[in-house]
């Protein structure tokens, strides 16, 4: 797993409702790179998307149990 993927997992673990722009600013890489890494993490089964806890109209990204395990290594 790459450094960017690990940083994304950590960020969404802390805040499932973080935006792509916020991730980009926090990690220091472009939004397209963030989106590509999120897709890779979803394809690997490390992230999933669902309703945000604060509002059912928002989409949030959550680490799966696989994602939590990868984050901790």
C-alpha atoms as a PDB file:
ATOM      1  CA  UNK A   1       0.000   0.000   0.000  1.00  0.00           C
ATOM      2  CA  UNK A   2       1.287   3.417  -0.935  1.00  0.00           C
ATOM      3  CA  UNK A   3       1.828   6.320   1.412  1.00  0.00           C
ATOM      4  CA  UNK A   4      -1.076   8.293  -0.093  1.00  0.00           C
ATOM      5  CA  UNK A   5      -3.473   5.366   0.319  1.00  0.00           C
ATOM      6  CA  UNK A   6      -2.446   4.963   3.967  1.00  0.00           C
ATOM      7  CA  UNK A   7      -2.911   8.703   4.614  1.00  0.00           C
ATOM      8  CA  UNK A   8      -6.362   8.595   3.015  1.00  0.00           C
ATOM      9  CA  UNK A   9      -7.357   5.639   5.215  1.00  0.00           C
ATOM     10  CA  UNK A  10      -6.185   7.517   8.296  1.00  0.00           C
ATOM     11  CA  UNK A  11      -8.059  10.669   7.289  1.00  0.00           C
ATOM     12  CA  UNK A  12     -11.369   8.930   6.573  1.00  0.00           C
ATOM     13  CA  UNK A  13     -11.002   6.943   9.800  1.00  0.00           C
ATOM     14  CA  UNK A  14     -10.889  10.258  11.641  1.00  0.00           C
ATOM     15  CA  UNK A  15     -13.635  11.914   9.569  1.00  0.00           C
ATOM     16  CA  UNK A  16     -15.833   9.840   7.247  1.00  0.00           C
ATOM     17  CA  UNK A  17     -17.364  13.022   5.816  1.00  0.00           C
ATOM     18  CA  UNK A  18     -14.080  14.626   4.755  1.00  0.00           C
ATOM     19  CA  UNK A  19     -14.288  16.017   1.219  1.00  0.00           C
ATOM     20  CA  UNK A  20     -11.950  15.296  -1.661  1.00  0.00           C
ATOM     21  CA  UNK A  21     -10.752  18.912  -1.475  1.00  0.00           C
ATOM     22  CA  UNK A  22     -10.084  18.626   2.243  1.00  0.00           C
ATOM     23  CA  UNK A  23      -8.182  15.366   1.697  1.00  0.00           C
ATOM     24  CA  UNK A  24      -6.150  17.011  -1.032  1.00  0.00           C
ATOM     25  CA  UNK A  25      -5.227  19.921   1.201  1.00  0.00           C
ATOM     26  CA  UNK A  26      -4.493  17.711   4.215  1.00  0.00           C
ATOM     27  CA  UNK A  27      -2.334  15.193   2.346  1.00  0.00           C
ATOM     28  CA  UNK A  28      -0.793  17.605  -0.133  1.00  0.00           C
ATOM     29  CA  UNK A  29      -1.691  15.876  -3.395  1.00  0.00           C
ATOM     30  CA  UNK A  30      -4.134  16.744  -6.167  1.00  0.00           C
ATOM     31  CA  UNK A  31      -7.829  15.906  -6.115  1.00  0.00           C
ATOM     32  CA  UNK A  32      -7.530  13.601  -9.130  1.00  0.00           C
ATOM     33  CA  UNK A  33      -4.843  11.591  -7.345  1.00  0.00           C
ATOM     34  CA  UNK A  34      -7.097  11.415  -4.247  1.00  0.00           C
ATOM     35  CA  UNK A  35     -10.020  10.169  -6.353  1.00  0.00           C
ATOM     36  CA  UNK A  36      -7.819   7.545  -8.058  1.00  0.00           C
ATOM     37  CA  UNK A  37      -6.498   6.328  -4.708  1.00  0.00           C
ATOM     38  CA  UNK A  38     -10.012   6.131  -3.240  1.00  0.00           C
ATOM     39  CA  UNK A  39     -11.071   4.032  -6.241  1.00  0.00           C
ATOM     40  CA  UNK A  40      -8.089   1.711  -5.702  1.00  0.00           C
ATOM     41  CA  UNK A  41      -8.917   1.376  -2.003  1.00  0.00           C
ATOM     42  CA  UNK A  42     -12.564   0.626  -2.819  1.00  0.00           C
ATOM     43  CA  UNK A  43     -11.510  -1.963  -5.422  1.00  0.00           C
ATOM     44  CA  UNK A  44      -9.253  -3.618  -2.820  1.00  0.00           C
ATOM     45  CA  UNK A  45     -12.131  -3.701  -0.332  1.00  0.00           C
ATOM     46  CA  UNK A  46     -10.429  -1.287   2.063  1.00  0.00           C
ATOM     47  CA  UNK A  47     -13.061   1.474   1.791  1.00  0.00           C
ATOM     48  CA  UNK A  48     -16.796   1.560   1.286  1.00  0.00           C
ATOM     49  CA  UNK A  49     -19.261   4.370   0.753  1.00  0.00           C
ATOM     50  CA  UNK A  50     -22.529   4.910   2.535  1.00  0.00           C
ATOM     51  CA  UNK A  51     -24.804   7.457   4.150  1.00  0.00           C
ATOM     52  CA  UNK A  52     -23.053  10.017   6.308  1.00  0.00           C
ATOM     53  CA  UNK A  53     -23.826   9.834  10.032  1.00  0.00           C
ATOM     54  CA  UNK A  54     -24.777  13.521  10.151  1.00  0.00           C
ATOM     55  CA  UNK A  55     -27.158  13.549   7.180  1.00  0.00           C
ATOM     56  CA  UNK A  56     -28.660  10.751   5.110  1.00  0.00           C
ATOM     57  CA  UNK A  57     -28.413  12.973   2.026  1.00  0.00           C
ATOM     58  CA  UNK A  58     -24.615  13.045   2.240  1.00  0.00           C
ATOM     59  CA  UNK A  59     -22.272  10.279   1.177  1.00  0.00           C
ATOM     60  CA  UNK A  60     -19.404   9.293   3.450  1.00  0.00           C
ATOM     61  CA  UNK A  61     -16.427   6.999   2.996  1.00  0.00           C
ATOM     62  CA  UNK A  62     -15.628   4.448   5.698  1.00  0.00           C
ATOM     63  CA  UNK A  63     -12.691   2.072   6.103  1.00  0.00           C
ATOM     64  CA  UNK A  64     -13.731  -1.579   6.080  1.00  0.00           C
ATOM     65  CA  UNK A  65     -12.242  -4.025   8.573  1.00  0.00           C
ATOM     66  CA  UNK A  66      -9.587  -4.712   5.920  1.00  0.00           C
ATOM     67  CA  UNK A  67      -8.871  -0.993   5.725  1.00  0.00           C
ATOM     68  CA  UNK A  68      -8.536  -0.690   9.496  1.00  0.00           C
ATOM     69  CA  UNK A  69      -6.099  -3.606   9.538  1.00  0.00           C
ATOM     70  CA  UNK A  70      -4.003  -2.074   6.763  1.00  0.00           C
ATOM     71  CA  UNK A  71      -3.985   1.317   8.486  1.00  0.00           C
ATOM     72  CA  UNK A  72      -2.596  -0.207  11.672  1.00  0.00           C
ATOM     73  CA  UNK A  73       0.325  -2.010  10.007  1.00  0.00           C
END
